[in-house]
Amino acid sequence: MTPLGAKIRAARLRYGMSQAELARRIHISQTALNQLELGQTHDPRFSIVANIAAVLGVSLDDFGIKERDSEYEPAAVA
């Protein structure tokens, strides 16, 4: 299973956006986004991941996340 950070990075690159621009749009530091993409943030807030998905025009499912009561959990691997 691909880690969340790698999925975010791939989506960001497909969109053609820099880390600095994505971080600015979701109101976090570039360092925080870099740590998330590198897998150094082990439990990112749902709101941050949801904002990233919204800005990049992807679904949470694309990141392997399903929403339940404003919490998130990794989607089951088929």
Protein backbone atom coordinates (compact mmCIF):
# COMPACT_ATOMS: atom_id res chain seq x y z
CA MET A 1 0.00 0.00 0.00
CA THR A 2 1.36 3.43 -0.93
CA PRO A 3 1.81 5.76 2.05
CA LEU A 4 -0.46 8.81 2.31
CA GLY A 5 2.43 11.25 1.87
CA ALA A 6 3.48 9.65 -1.40
CA LYS A 7 -0.10 9.81 -2.68
CA ILE A 8 -0.32 13.50 -1.77
CA ARG A 9 3.01 14.24 -3.46
CA ALA A 10 1.97 12.36 -6.63
CA ALA A 11 -1.35 14.24 -6.78
CA ARG A 12 0.40 17.57 -6.21
CA LEU A 13 2.92 16.88 -8.98
CA ARG A 14 0.17 15.74 -11.38
CA TYR A 15 -1.59 19.03 -10.67
CA GLY A 16 1.67 20.88 -11.34
CA MET A 17 1.76 22.69 -8.01
CA SER A 18 4.77 23.41 -5.83
CA GLN A 19 4.88 22.49 -2.18
CA ALA A 20 5.05 26.19 -1.32
CA GLU A 21 1.87 26.98 -3.28
CA LEU A 22 -0.12 24.04 -1.87
CA ALA A 23 1.00 24.87 1.66
CA ARG A 24 -0.04 28.50 1.18
CA ARG A 25 -3.47 27.48 -0.12
CA ILE A 26 -4.21 25.15 2.79
CA HIS A 27 -2.69 27.49 5.39
CA ILE A 28 0.15 25.32 6.70
CA SER A 29 3.89 25.80 6.48
CA GLN A 30 5.87 24.35 3.62
CA THR A 31 7.90 22.46 6.22
CA ALA A 32 4.72 20.85 7.57
CA LEU A 33 3.66 19.83 4.06
CA ASN A 34 7.13 18.45 3.31
CA GLN A 35 7.03 16.39 6.52
CA LEU A 36 3.59 15.08 5.56
CA GLU A 37 4.78 14.06 2.09
CA LEU A 38 7.86 12.36 3.57
CA GLY A 39 5.74 10.36 6.00
CA GLN A 40 7.13 12.14 9.04
CA THR A 41 3.65 13.21 10.14
CA HIS A 42 2.15 9.99 11.44
CA ASP A 43 -1.35 11.24 12.26
CA PRO A 44 -2.26 14.26 10.11
CA ARG A 45 -5.49 16.05 10.91
CA PHE A 46 -8.42 15.07 8.72
CA SER A 47 -9.09 18.72 7.89
CA ILE A 48 -5.59 19.14 6.42
CA VAL A 49 -5.89 16.04 4.24
CA ALA A 50 -9.41 17.05 3.16
CA ASN A 51 -8.19 20.54 2.23
CA ILE A 52 -5.32 19.08 0.21
CA ALA A 53 -7.74 16.85 -1.67
CA ALA A 54 -10.07 19.78 -2.36
CA VAL A 55 -7.30 22.05 -3.66
CA LEU A 56 -5.87 19.31 -5.88
CA GLY A 57 -9.29 18.25 -7.16
CA VAL A 58 -9.04 14.66 -5.95
CA SER A 59 -11.23 12.61 -3.64
CA LEU A 60 -10.23 11.36 -0.22
CA ASP A 61 -10.65 7.89 -1.69
CA ASP A 62 -7.73 8.70 -4.01
CA PHE A 63 -5.64 9.06 -0.84
CA GLY A 64 -6.99 5.79 0.55
CA ILE A 65 -9.12 7.53 3.15
CA LYS A 66 -12.78 7.11 3.85
CA GLU A 67 -14.67 9.65 5.90
CA ARG A 68 -16.62 8.61 8.97
CA ASP A 69 -17.92 11.06 11.54
CA SER A 70 -15.22 13.64 10.68
CA GLU A 71 -12.53 11.10 11.51
CA TYR A 72 -10.55 9.18 8.96
CA GLU A 73 -9.12 5.75 8.66
CA PRO A 74 -7.19 4.05 5.89
CA ALA A 75 -9.47 2.42 3.35
CA ALA A 76 -9.42 -1.35 3.35
CA VAL A 77 -7.12 -2.93 0.80
CA ALA A 78 -9.06 -5.10 -1.62
